[in-house]
Amino acid sequence: MIGLARIADRGPFVAAALAATLLLLALWLPALVAAGNMSGLLILASMASMFFLIASAAVVAFVALRHGELSAVRVVGGCLVMLIVVSIVLYQSPIHVPLVASVFWLPAILAAMVLARSVKLDYAVLTIVACGVVVVIGLSVITGDSVEFWRSQFGDAVVMEGDTASAALSVEQQEAFMDTMARMMTGALGVSVVSIALGALFLARSWQAGLFNPGGFQKEFHALSLGRNAALLCVLIVALAIFVGGQLSGAIAMVVIFAFFIQGLAVTHALVKQRGMHRYWLHGIYVLLLLPHTLLLLAALGLADNLFSLRRSKNV
């Protein structure tokens, strides 16, 4: 994958073309597979689409890290021109494709700029988390009632009673399921924005380290600490979501919990290396992520690390 960084390093126009191509692959691949009636490949196509989306943002973030903000702006400008042309041709709208790029690229680009200026990975991660919270709040303000908005997006997913597809669930059960999903979707969108931006930032930083500072990104990630103030704020937000309630506070809580899950992963990686444990321990942790409680446990580990310094040294 580091070959993508070498291509992006050839100049702003090349980087813009690469980022635009990767984004379009991310948008079109699942649709092409579905249109070709290759349902067996749809999961693989969706995974590949996610990689292309992250890689497209990583290309621009890499340019920001490697050459600075002005070069990144040039790449974004060139890329937007290409995407606007494609969007007009395919969707008869100049904003369809660029809007997707803006939502998923902007947090990673801003974080890369912060990282380039501060050389502090925690500041960059917190920038992405702030962007995720802004997305959640923005959607809630724009829609007015985000629960009803998501229910309307589900369309005809709730089928009429007596339909063979709904034999396993009554209409009341389907309504309850749809309501639960609608209440979670705003937070899930925020987490998606944060996870894609973090993936792009980490990928771009690993490319930079691989080319110019081998092992540098591993040290940065192992030392990642969002800070005691951020941890206390996270606890406050979660407490509000639990005891006060509200769809918006719950959505914000999902985003900040995910941030400390990332720190929990950093703590786990650091301790495995520090104690000379086999990397299969990490493989086991990632397998256990299939269970949702593992994410919460790692988030708790990340929170605890800010209070008790579970890692002996920040240079592990």
C-alpha atoms as a PDB file:
ATOM      1  CA  MET A   1       0.000   0.000   0.000  1.00  0.00           C
ATOM      2  CA  ILE A   2       2.930   2.310   0.472  1.00  0.00           C
ATOM      3  CA  GLY A   3       3.068   2.420  -3.314  1.00  0.00           C
ATOM      4  CA  LEU A   4       0.030   4.713  -3.179  1.00  0.00           C
ATOM      5  CA  ALA A   5       2.080   7.168  -1.109  1.00  0.00           C
ATOM      6  CA  ARG A   6       4.890   7.087  -3.665  1.00  0.00           C
ATOM      7  CA  ILE A   7       2.389   7.875  -6.425  1.00  0.00           C
ATOM      8  CA  ALA A   8       0.815  10.686  -4.388  1.00  0.00           C
ATOM      9  CA  ASP A   9       4.284  12.140  -3.788  1.00  0.00           C
ATOM     10  CA  ARG A  10       4.767  12.802  -7.510  1.00  0.00           C
ATOM     11  CA  GLY A  11       2.836  16.053  -7.470  1.00  0.00           C
ATOM     12  CA  PRO A  12      -0.517  17.691  -6.677  1.00  0.00           C
ATOM     13  CA  PHE A  13      -2.191  16.749  -9.971  1.00  0.00           C
ATOM     14  CA  VAL A  14      -1.180  13.088  -9.671  1.00  0.00           C
ATOM     15  CA  ALA A  15      -2.299  12.994  -6.032  1.00  0.00           C
ATOM     16  CA  ALA A  16      -5.645  14.606  -6.939  1.00  0.00           C
ATOM     17  CA  ALA A  17      -6.252  12.100  -9.727  1.00  0.00           C
ATOM     18  CA  LEU A  18      -5.346   9.207  -7.420  1.00  0.00           C
ATOM     19  CA  ALA A  19      -7.634  10.404  -4.612  1.00  0.00           C
ATOM     20  CA  ALA A  20     -10.532  10.972  -7.023  1.00  0.00           C
ATOM     21  CA  THR A  21     -10.088   7.541  -8.607  1.00  0.00           C
ATOM     22  CA  LEU A  22     -10.021   5.789  -5.239  1.00  0.00           C
ATOM     23  CA  LEU A  23     -13.142   7.642  -4.094  1.00  0.00           C
ATOM     24  CA  LEU A  24     -15.050   6.755  -7.255  1.00  0.00           C
ATOM     25  CA  LEU A  25     -14.024   3.112  -6.856  1.00  0.00           C
ATOM     26  CA  ALA A  26     -15.366   3.233  -3.302  1.00  0.00           C
ATOM     27  CA  LEU A  27     -18.709   4.589  -4.519  1.00  0.00           C
ATOM     28  CA  TRP A  28     -19.162   2.410  -7.588  1.00  0.00           C
ATOM     29  CA  LEU A  29     -17.736  -0.994  -6.671  1.00  0.00           C
ATOM     30  CA  PRO A  30     -20.646  -2.255  -4.506  1.00  0.00           C
ATOM     31  CA  ALA A  31     -23.178  -0.898  -7.035  1.00  0.00           C
ATOM     32  CA  LEU A  32     -21.423  -2.640  -9.922  1.00  0.00           C
ATOM     33  CA  VAL A  33     -21.318  -5.928  -8.038  1.00  0.00           C
ATOM     34  CA  ALA A  34     -24.996  -5.631  -7.104  1.00  0.00           C
ATOM     35  CA  ALA A  35     -25.950  -4.742 -10.677  1.00  0.00           C
ATOM     36  CA  GLY A  36     -24.087  -7.798 -11.915  1.00  0.00           C
ATOM     37  CA  ASN A  37     -26.149 -10.091  -9.657  1.00  0.00           C
ATOM     38  CA  MET A  38     -22.975 -11.215  -7.881  1.00  0.00           C
ATOM     39  CA  SER A  39     -24.522 -11.193  -4.404  1.00  0.00           C
ATOM     40  CA  GLY A  40     -21.914 -13.637  -3.107  1.00  0.00           C
ATOM     41  CA  LEU A  41     -19.232 -10.989  -3.657  1.00  0.00           C
ATOM     42  CA  LEU A  42     -21.187  -8.109  -2.144  1.00  0.00           C
ATOM     43  CA  ILE A  43     -19.552  -8.361   1.297  1.00  0.00           C
ATOM     44  CA  LEU A  44     -16.068  -8.421  -0.245  1.00  0.00           C
ATOM     45  CA  ALA A  45     -17.014  -5.508  -2.484  1.00  0.00           C
ATOM     46  CA  SER A  46     -18.247  -3.530   0.536  1.00  0.00           C
ATOM     47  CA  MET A  47     -14.986  -4.195   2.385  1.00  0.00           C
ATOM     48  CA  ALA A  48     -12.971  -3.150  -0.664  1.00  0.00           C
ATOM     49  CA  SER A  49     -15.153  -0.044  -0.967  1.00  0.00           C
ATOM     50  CA  MET A  50     -14.358   0.910   2.628  1.00  0.00           C
ATOM     51  CA  PHE A  51     -10.630   0.488   1.977  1.00  0.00           C
ATOM     52  CA  PHE A  52     -10.798   2.669  -1.155  1.00  0.00           C
ATOM     53  CA  LEU A  53     -12.706   5.357   0.774  1.00  0.00           C
ATOM     54  CA  ILE A  54     -10.121   5.390   3.566  1.00  0.00           C
ATOM     55  CA  ALA A  55      -7.237   5.301   1.076  1.00  0.00           C
ATOM     56  CA  SER A  56      -8.667   8.226  -0.911  1.00  0.00           C
ATOM     57  CA  ALA A  57      -8.732  10.398   2.215  1.00  0.00           C
ATOM     58  CA  ALA A  58      -5.315   9.072   3.241  1.00  0.00           C
ATOM     59  CA  VAL A  59      -3.788  10.296  -0.028  1.00  0.00           C
ATOM     60  CA  VAL A  60      -4.786  13.897   0.714  1.00  0.00           C
ATOM     61  CA  ALA A  61      -3.812  13.564   4.385  1.00  0.00           C
ATOM     62  CA  PHE A  62      -0.392  12.228   3.316  1.00  0.00           C
ATOM     63  CA  VAL A  63       0.171  15.251   1.100  1.00  0.00           C
ATOM     64  CA  ALA A  64      -0.709  17.523   4.033  1.00  0.00           C
ATOM     65  CA  LEU A  65       1.755  15.693   6.282  1.00  0.00           C
ATOM     66  CA  ARG A  66       4.489  15.510   3.674  1.00  0.00           C
ATOM     67  CA  HIS A  67       4.244  18.853   1.880  1.00  0.00           C
ATOM     68  CA  GLY A  68       2.092  21.098   4.053  1.00  0.00           C
ATOM     69  CA  GLU A  69      -1.300  22.727   3.979  1.00  0.00           C
ATOM     70  CA  LEU A  70      -0.953  24.618   0.699  1.00  0.00           C
ATOM     71  CA  SER A  71      -0.132  21.466  -1.238  1.00  0.00           C
ATOM     72  CA  ALA A  72      -3.076  19.685   0.378  1.00  0.00           C
ATOM     73  CA  VAL A  73      -5.388  22.542  -0.652  1.00  0.00           C
ATOM     74  CA  ARG A  74      -4.125  22.240  -4.245  1.00  0.00           C
ATOM     75  CA  VAL A  75      -4.823  18.517  -4.241  1.00  0.00           C
ATOM     76  CA  VAL A  76      -8.304  19.011  -2.789  1.00  0.00           C
ATOM     77  CA  GLY A  77      -9.048  21.731  -5.349  1.00  0.00           C
ATOM     78  CA  GLY A  78      -7.945  19.601  -8.289  1.00  0.00           C
ATOM     79  CA  CYS A  79      -9.811  16.608  -6.928  1.00  0.00           C
ATOM     80  CA  LEU A  80     -13.036  18.570  -6.419  1.00  0.00           C
ATOM     81  CA  VAL A  81     -12.937  19.795 -10.023  1.00  0.00           C
ATOM     82  CA  MET A  82     -12.711  16.198 -11.248  1.00  0.00           C
ATOM     83  CA  LEU A  83     -15.450  15.019  -8.895  1.00  0.00           C
ATOM     84  CA  ILE A  84     -17.789  17.877  -9.871  1.00  0.00           C
ATOM     85  CA  VAL A  85     -17.430  16.960 -13.552  1.00  0.00           C
ATOM     86  CA  VAL A  86     -18.128  13.284 -12.807  1.00  0.00           C
ATOM     87  CA  SER A  87     -21.067  14.194 -10.557  1.00  0.00           C
ATOM     88  CA  ILE A  88     -22.657  16.371 -13.271  1.00  0.00           C
ATOM     89  CA  VAL A  89     -22.238  13.672 -15.932  1.00  0.00           C
ATOM     90  CA  LEU A  90     -23.558  10.786 -13.833  1.00  0.00           C
ATOM     91  CA  TYR A  91     -25.981  12.374 -11.365  1.00  0.00           C
ATOM     92  CA  GLN A  92     -26.907  15.678 -13.067  1.00  0.00           C
ATOM     93  CA  SER A  93     -25.841  17.383  -9.847  1.00  0.00           C
ATOM     94  CA  PRO A  94     -22.527  19.144  -9.133  1.00  0.00           C
ATOM     95  CA  ILE A  95     -22.602  18.360  -5.403  1.00  0.00           C
ATOM     96  CA  HIS A  96     -23.532  14.656  -5.193  1.00  0.00           C
ATOM     97  CA  VAL A  97     -20.025  13.151  -5.257  1.00  0.00           C
ATOM     98  CA  PRO A  98     -18.142  16.180  -3.799  1.00  0.00           C
ATOM     99  CA  LEU A  99     -20.487  16.120  -0.786  1.00  0.00           C
ATOM    100  CA  VAL A 100     -19.425  12.554   0.019  1.00  0.00           C
ATOM    101  CA  ALA A 101     -15.787  13.588  -0.299  1.00  0.00           C
ATOM    102  CA  SER A 102     -16.295  16.588   1.978  1.00  0.00           C
ATOM    103  CA  VAL A 103     -17.977  14.612   4.767  1.00  0.00           C
ATOM    104  CA  PHE A 104     -15.426  11.817   4.865  1.00  0.00           C
ATOM    105  CA  TRP A 105     -12.235  13.648   3.807  1.00  0.00           C
ATOM    106  CA  LEU A 106     -12.433  16.911   5.735  1.00  0.00           C
ATOM    107  CA  PRO A 107     -11.898  15.458   9.261  1.00  0.00           C
ATOM    108  CA  ALA A 108      -8.833  13.490   8.114  1.00  0.00           C
ATOM    109  CA  ILE A 109      -7.371  16.498   6.274  1.00  0.00           C
ATOM    110  CA  LEU A 110      -7.895  18.837   9.236  1.00  0.00           C
ATOM    111  CA  ALA A 111      -6.353  16.265  11.581  1.00  0.00           C
ATOM    112  CA  ALA A 112      -3.354  15.850   9.264  1.00  0.00           C
ATOM    113  CA  MET A 113      -2.815  19.600   9.304  1.00  0.00           C
ATOM    114  CA  VAL A 114      -3.018  19.637  13.097  1.00  0.00           C
ATOM    115  CA  LEU A 115      -0.571  16.733  13.291  1.00  0.00           C
ATOM    116  CA  ALA A 116       1.844  18.395  10.878  1.00  0.00           C
ATOM    117  CA  ARG A 117       1.861  21.568  12.983  1.00  0.00           C
ATOM    118  CA  SER A 118       1.840  20.055  16.478  1.00  0.00           C
ATOM    119  CA  VAL A 119       3.523  16.665  15.922  1.00  0.00           C
ATOM    120  CA  LYS A 120       1.050  15.352  18.526  1.00  0.00           C
ATOM    121  CA  LEU A 121      -1.105  12.416  17.484  1.00  0.00           C
ATOM    122  CA  ASP A 122      -3.505  12.946  20.389  1.00  0.00           C
ATOM    123  CA  TYR A 123      -4.359  16.460  19.155  1.00  0.00           C
ATOM    124  CA  ALA A 124      -5.060  15.074  15.688  1.00  0.00           C
ATOM    125  CA  VAL A 125      -7.309  12.318  17.069  1.00  0.00           C
ATOM    126  CA  LEU A 126      -9.227  14.815  19.196  1.00  0.00           C
ATOM    127  CA  THR A 127      -9.711  16.970  16.085  1.00  0.00           C
ATOM    128  CA  ILE A 128     -11.357  14.037  14.339  1.00  0.00           C
ATOM    129  CA  VAL A 129     -13.540  13.313  17.363  1.00  0.00           C
ATOM    130  CA  ALA A 130     -14.649  16.967  17.403  1.00  0.00           C
ATOM    131  CA  CYS A 131     -15.572  16.663  13.714  1.00  0.00           C
ATOM    132  CA  GLY A 132     -17.625  13.561  14.489  1.00  0.00           C
ATOM    133  CA  VAL A 133     -19.507  15.434  17.216  1.00  0.00           C
ATOM    134  CA  VAL A 134     -20.120  18.337  14.812  1.00  0.00           C
ATOM    135  CA  VAL A 135     -21.585  15.914  12.247  1.00  0.00           C
ATOM    136  CA  VAL A 136     -23.917  14.461  14.887  1.00  0.00           C
ATOM    137  CA  ILE A 137     -25.063  17.873  16.116  1.00  0.00           C
ATOM    138  CA  GLY A 138     -25.345  19.228  12.569  1.00  0.00           C
ATOM    139  CA  LEU A 139     -27.563  16.364  11.425  1.00  0.00           C
ATOM    140  CA  SER A 140     -29.773  16.764  14.488  1.00  0.00           C
ATOM    141  CA  VAL A 141     -30.154  20.510  13.855  1.00  0.00           C
ATOM    142  CA  ILE A 142     -30.796  20.138  10.114  1.00  0.00           C
ATOM    143  CA  THR A 143     -33.360  17.340  10.426  1.00  0.00           C
ATOM    144  CA  GLY A 144     -35.048  18.637  13.547  1.00  0.00           C
ATOM    145  CA  ASP A 145     -36.001  15.097  14.526  1.00  0.00           C
ATOM    146  CA  SER A 146     -33.228  12.740  13.474  1.00  0.00           C
ATOM    147  CA  VAL A 147     -35.215   9.670  14.579  1.00  0.00           C
ATOM    148  CA  GLU A 148     -38.022  10.486  12.146  1.00  0.00           C
ATOM    149  CA  PHE A 149     -35.444  11.337   9.490  1.00  0.00           C
ATOM    150  CA  TRP A 150     -33.848   7.896   9.713  1.00  0.00           C
ATOM    151  CA  ARG A 151     -37.220   6.167   9.803  1.00  0.00           C
ATOM    152  CA  SER A 152     -38.112   7.925   6.568  1.00  0.00           C
ATOM    153  CA  GLN A 153     -34.805   6.762   5.042  1.00  0.00           C
ATOM    154  CA  PHE A 154     -35.667   3.159   5.848  1.00  0.00           C
ATOM    155  CA  GLY A 155     -38.647   3.517   3.551  1.00  0.00           C
ATOM    156  CA  ASP A 156     -40.711   0.379   3.191  1.00  0.00           C
ATOM    157  CA  ALA A 157     -38.506  -1.800   5.365  1.00  0.00           C
ATOM    158  CA  VAL A 158     -41.436  -2.311   7.750  1.00  0.00           C
ATOM    159  CA  VAL A 159     -43.689  -4.616   5.759  1.00  0.00           C
ATOM    160  CA  MET A 160     -47.349  -5.316   6.307  1.00  0.00           C
ATOM    161  CA  GLU A 161     -48.423  -8.097   8.644  1.00  0.00           C
ATOM    162  CA  GLY A 162     -49.091 -11.323   6.803  1.00  0.00           C
ATOM    163  CA  ASP A 163     -46.240 -10.891   4.328  1.00  0.00           C
ATOM    164  CA  THR A 164     -44.107 -14.013   4.145  1.00  0.00           C
ATOM    165  CA  ALA A 165     -40.945 -11.948   4.692  1.00  0.00           C
ATOM    166  CA  SER A 166     -42.274 -10.755   8.037  1.00  0.00           C
ATOM    167  CA  ALA A 167     -43.459 -14.124   9.332  1.00  0.00           C
ATOM    168  CA  ALA A 168     -40.829 -14.159  12.075  1.00  0.00           C
ATOM    169  CA  LEU A 169     -41.772 -10.727  13.471  1.00  0.00           C
ATOM    170  CA  SER A 170     -45.064  -9.083  14.227  1.00  0.00           C
ATOM    171  CA  VAL A 171     -45.771  -5.544  13.029  1.00  0.00           C
ATOM    172  CA  GLU A 172     -45.233  -4.269  16.593  1.00  0.00           C
ATOM    173  CA  GLN A 173     -41.860  -6.020  16.809  1.00  0.00           C
ATOM    174  CA  GLN A 174     -40.814  -4.614  13.455  1.00  0.00           C
ATOM    175  CA  GLU A 175     -41.811  -1.112  14.541  1.00  0.00           C
ATOM    176  CA  ALA A 176     -39.826  -1.470  17.769  1.00  0.00           C
ATOM    177  CA  PHE A 177     -36.793  -2.713  15.834  1.00  0.00           C
ATOM    178  CA  MET A 178     -36.993   0.159  13.347  1.00  0.00           C
ATOM    179  CA  ASP A 179     -37.358   2.683  16.159  1.00  0.00           C
ATOM    180  CA  THR A 180     -34.283   1.282  17.932  1.00  0.00           C
ATOM    181  CA  MET A 181     -32.260   1.406  14.715  1.00  0.00           C
ATOM    182  CA  ALA A 182     -33.403   4.953  13.966  1.00  0.00           C
ATOM    183  CA  ARG A 183     -32.295   6.106  17.424  1.00  0.00           C
ATOM    184  CA  MET A 184     -28.832   4.607  16.881  1.00  0.00           C
ATOM    185  CA  MET A 185     -28.215   5.779  13.318  1.00  0.00           C
ATOM    186  CA  THR A 186     -27.095   9.340  14.082  1.00  0.00           C
ATOM    187  CA  GLY A 187     -24.474   8.078  16.513  1.00  0.00           C
ATOM    188  CA  ALA A 188     -23.503   5.350  14.042  1.00  0.00           C
ATOM    189  CA  LEU A 189     -22.976   7.991  11.351  1.00  0.00           C
ATOM    190  CA  GLY A 190     -20.735   9.970  13.710  1.00  0.00           C
ATOM    191  CA  VAL A 191     -18.742   6.847  14.543  1.00  0.00           C
ATOM    192  CA  SER A 192     -18.432   6.048  10.812  1.00  0.00           C
ATOM    193  CA  VAL A 193     -17.062   9.509  10.057  1.00  0.00           C
ATOM    194  CA  VAL A 194     -14.592   9.223  12.946  1.00  0.00           C
ATOM    195  CA  SER A 195     -13.473   5.689  12.097  1.00  0.00           C
ATOM    196  CA  ILE A 196     -12.905   6.470   8.405  1.00  0.00           C
ATOM    197  CA  ALA A 197     -11.011   9.668   9.249  1.00  0.00           C
ATOM    198  CA  LEU A 198      -8.877   7.867  11.847  1.00  0.00           C
ATOM    199  CA  GLY A 199      -8.164   5.079   9.394  1.00  0.00           C
ATOM    200  CA  ALA A 200      -7.102   7.641   6.790  1.00  0.00           C
ATOM    201  CA  LEU A 201      -4.938   9.595   9.240  1.00  0.00           C
ATOM    202  CA  PHE A 202      -3.229   6.492  10.607  1.00  0.00           C
ATOM    203  CA  LEU A 203      -2.666   5.121   7.100  1.00  0.00           C
ATOM    204  CA  ALA A 204      -1.183   8.423   5.904  1.00  0.00           C
ATOM    205  CA  ARG A 205       1.064   8.670   8.978  1.00  0.00           C
ATOM    206  CA  SER A 206       2.224   5.068   8.533  1.00  0.00           C
ATOM    207  CA  TRP A 207       3.076   5.845   4.892  1.00  0.00           C
ATOM    208  CA  GLN A 208       5.095   8.869   5.963  1.00  0.00           C
ATOM    209  CA  ALA A 209       6.875   6.856   8.641  1.00  0.00           C
ATOM    210  CA  GLY A 210       7.515   3.959   6.265  1.00  0.00           C
ATOM    211  CA  LEU A 211       9.157   6.258   3.738  1.00  0.00           C
ATOM    212  CA  PHE A 212      11.032   8.634   6.024  1.00  0.00           C
ATOM    213  CA  ASN A 213      10.951   7.434   9.645  1.00  0.00           C
ATOM    214  CA  PRO A 214      10.615   3.644   9.960  1.00  0.00           C
ATOM    215  CA  GLY A 215       8.962   2.654  13.224  1.00  0.00           C
ATOM    216  CA  GLY A 216       7.906   6.219  13.996  1.00  0.00           C
ATOM    217  CA  PHE A 217       4.185   5.674  13.652  1.00  0.00           C
ATOM    218  CA  GLN A 218       4.252   2.618  15.911  1.00  0.00           C
ATOM    219  CA  LYS A 219       5.849   4.685  18.690  1.00  0.00           C
ATOM    220  CA  GLU A 220       3.290   7.459  18.216  1.00  0.00           C
ATOM    221  CA  PHE A 221       0.362   5.054  18.307  1.00  0.00           C
ATOM    222  CA  HIS A 222       1.669   3.143  21.320  1.00  0.00           C
ATOM    223  CA  ALA A 223       1.989   6.448  23.207  1.00  0.00           C
ATOM    224  CA  LEU A 224      -1.464   7.751  22.206  1.00  0.00           C
ATOM    225  CA  SER A 225      -3.179   9.375  25.190  1.00  0.00           C
ATOM    226  CA  LEU A 226      -6.189  11.662  24.841  1.00  0.00           C
ATOM    227  CA  GLY A 227      -5.624  13.191  28.273  1.00  0.00           C
ATOM    228  CA  ARG A 228      -7.335  13.362  31.646  1.00  0.00           C
ATOM    229  CA  ASN A 229      -9.537  16.321  30.701  1.00  0.00           C
ATOM    230  CA  ALA A 230     -10.884  14.489  27.654  1.00  0.00           C
ATOM    231  CA  ALA A 231     -11.459  11.379  29.780  1.00  0.00           C
ATOM    232  CA  LEU A 232     -13.432  13.339  32.379  1.00  0.00           C
ATOM    233  CA  LEU A 233     -15.480  14.992  29.633  1.00  0.00           C
ATOM    234  CA  CYS A 234     -16.218  11.557  28.166  1.00  0.00           C
ATOM    235  CA  VAL A 235     -17.428  10.297  31.560  1.00  0.00           C
ATOM    236  CA  LEU A 236     -19.663  13.370  31.905  1.00  0.00           C
ATOM    237  CA  ILE A 237     -21.181  12.898  28.439  1.00  0.00           C
ATOM    238  CA  VAL A 238     -21.847   9.202  29.059  1.00  0.00           C
ATOM    239  CA  ALA A 239     -23.413  10.006  32.445  1.00  0.00           C
ATOM    240  CA  LEU A 240     -25.716  12.567  30.797  1.00  0.00           C
ATOM    241  CA  ALA A 241     -26.706  10.046  28.138  1.00  0.00           C
ATOM    242  CA  ILE A 242     -27.531   7.435  30.777  1.00  0.00           C
ATOM    243  CA  PHE A 243     -29.254   9.504  33.438  1.00  0.00           C
ATOM    244  CA  VAL A 244     -30.719  12.400  31.439  1.00  0.00           C
ATOM    245  CA  GLY A 245     -31.354  10.603  28.176  1.00  0.00           C
ATOM    246  CA  GLY A 246     -31.986  12.155  24.815  1.00  0.00           C
ATOM    247  CA  GLN A 247     -31.119  10.974  21.336  1.00  0.00           C
ATOM    248  CA  LEU A 248     -28.455  13.667  20.772  1.00  0.00           C
ATOM    249  CA  SER A 249     -26.556  13.005  24.006  1.00  0.00           C
ATOM    250  CA  GLY A 250     -26.623   9.287  23.258  1.00  0.00           C
ATOM    251  CA  ALA A 251     -25.220   9.866  19.777  1.00  0.00           C
ATOM    252  CA  ILE A 252     -22.409  12.072  21.100  1.00  0.00           C
ATOM    253  CA  ALA A 253     -21.655   9.448  23.756  1.00  0.00           C
ATOM    254  CA  MET A 254     -21.205   6.822  21.019  1.00  0.00           C
ATOM    255  CA  VAL A 255     -18.626   9.033  19.298  1.00  0.00           C
ATOM    256  CA  VAL A 256     -16.558   9.799  22.411  1.00  0.00           C
ATOM    257  CA  ILE A 257     -16.673   6.181  23.614  1.00  0.00           C
ATOM    258  CA  PHE A 258     -15.274   5.127  20.237  1.00  0.00           C
ATOM    259  CA  ALA A 259     -12.413   7.612  20.672  1.00  0.00           C
ATOM    260  CA  PHE A 260     -11.350   5.988  23.931  1.00  0.00           C
ATOM    261  CA  PHE A 261     -11.765   2.574  22.363  1.00  0.00           C
ATOM    262  CA  ILE A 262      -8.979   3.654  19.995  1.00  0.00           C
ATOM    263  CA  GLN A 263      -6.829   4.630  22.982  1.00  0.00           C
ATOM    264  CA  GLY A 264      -7.638   1.256  24.530  1.00  0.00           C
ATOM    265  CA  LEU A 265      -6.300  -0.417  21.404  1.00  0.00           C
ATOM    266  CA  ALA A 266      -3.158   1.713  21.652  1.00  0.00           C
ATOM    267  CA  VAL A 267      -2.691   0.646  25.283  1.00  0.00           C
ATOM    268  CA  THR A 268      -3.157  -3.006  24.317  1.00  0.00           C
ATOM    269  CA  HIS A 269      -0.604  -2.801  21.505  1.00  0.00           C
ATOM    270  CA  ALA A 270       1.869  -0.991  23.765  1.00  0.00           C
ATOM    271  CA  LEU A 271       1.553  -3.492  26.631  1.00  0.00           C
ATOM    272  CA  VAL A 272       1.896  -6.494  24.325  1.00  0.00           C
ATOM    273  CA  LYS A 273       5.151  -5.091  22.959  1.00  0.00           C
ATOM    274  CA  GLN A 274       6.377  -3.850  26.327  1.00  0.00           C
ATOM    275  CA  ARG A 275       5.922  -7.246  27.975  1.00  0.00           C
ATOM    276  CA  GLY A 276       7.295  -9.230  25.045  1.00  0.00           C
ATOM    277  CA  MET A 277       4.016 -11.069  24.471  1.00  0.00           C
ATOM    278  CA  HIS A 278       3.286 -12.908  21.222  1.00  0.00           C
ATOM    279  CA  ARG A 279       1.363 -10.921  18.628  1.00  0.00           C
ATOM    280  CA  TYR A 280      -1.309 -13.637  18.615  1.00  0.00           C
ATOM    281  CA  TRP A 281      -2.641 -11.902  21.726  1.00  0.00           C
ATOM    282  CA  LEU A 282      -3.473  -8.936  19.508  1.00  0.00           C
ATOM    283  CA  HIS A 283      -5.070 -11.235  16.950  1.00  0.00           C
ATOM    284  CA  GLY A 284      -7.293 -12.585  19.706  1.00  0.00           C
ATOM    285  CA  ILE A 285      -8.325  -9.085  20.751  1.00  0.00           C
ATOM    286  CA  TYR A 286      -9.342  -8.207  17.205  1.00  0.00           C
ATOM    287  CA  VAL A 287     -11.354 -11.430  16.883  1.00  0.00           C
ATOM    288  CA  LEU A 288     -13.134 -10.591  20.139  1.00  0.00           C
ATOM    289  CA  LEU A 289     -14.162  -7.245  18.626  1.00  0.00           C
ATOM    290  CA  LEU A 290     -16.950  -9.231  16.982  1.00  0.00           C
ATOM    291  CA  LEU A 291     -18.521  -9.045  20.446  1.00  0.00           C
ATOM    292  CA  PRO A 292     -19.771  -5.483  21.199  1.00  0.00           C
ATOM    293  CA  HIS A 293     -18.787  -5.736  24.858  1.00  0.00           C
ATOM    294  CA  THR A 294     -15.113  -5.959  23.825  1.00  0.00           C
ATOM    295  CA  LEU A 295     -15.316  -2.446  22.379  1.00  0.00           C
ATOM    296  CA  LEU A 296     -16.723  -1.133  25.664  1.00  0.00           C
ATOM    297  CA  LEU A 297     -14.043  -2.921  27.688  1.00  0.00           C
ATOM    298  CA  LEU A 298     -11.282  -1.429  25.543  1.00  0.00           C
ATOM    299  CA  ALA A 299     -12.891   2.014  25.856  1.00  0.00           C
ATOM    300  CA  ALA A 300     -12.861   1.578  29.639  1.00  0.00           C
ATOM    301  CA  LEU A 301      -9.194   0.573  29.398  1.00  0.00           C
ATOM    302  CA  GLY A 302      -8.474   3.734  27.418  1.00  0.00           C
ATOM    303  CA  LEU A 303     -10.268   5.872  29.990  1.00  0.00           C
ATOM    304  CA  ALA A 304      -8.455   4.181  32.869  1.00  0.00           C
ATOM    305  CA  ASP A 305      -5.076   4.754  31.197  1.00  0.00           C
ATOM    306  CA  ASN A 306      -5.582   8.517  31.458  1.00  0.00           C
ATOM    307  CA  LEU A 307      -6.082   8.225  35.198  1.00  0.00           C
ATOM    308  CA  PHE A 308      -3.624   5.496  36.187  1.00  0.00           C
ATOM    309  CA  SER A 309      -0.874   5.554  33.476  1.00  0.00           C
ATOM    310  CA  LEU A 310      -1.072   1.842  32.651  1.00  0.00           C
ATOM    311  CA  ARG A 311       1.923   2.140  30.333  1.00  0.00           C
ATOM    312  CA  ARG A 312       5.237   2.576  32.151  1.00  0.00           C
ATOM    313  CA  SER A 313       6.710   4.681  29.376  1.00  0.00           C
ATOM    314  CA  LYS A 314       5.334   6.696  26.480  1.00  0.00           C
ATOM    315  CA  ASN A 315       8.234   5.560  24.349  1.00  0.00           C
ATOM    316  CA  VAL A 316       7.308   1.899  24.047  1.00  0.00           C
END
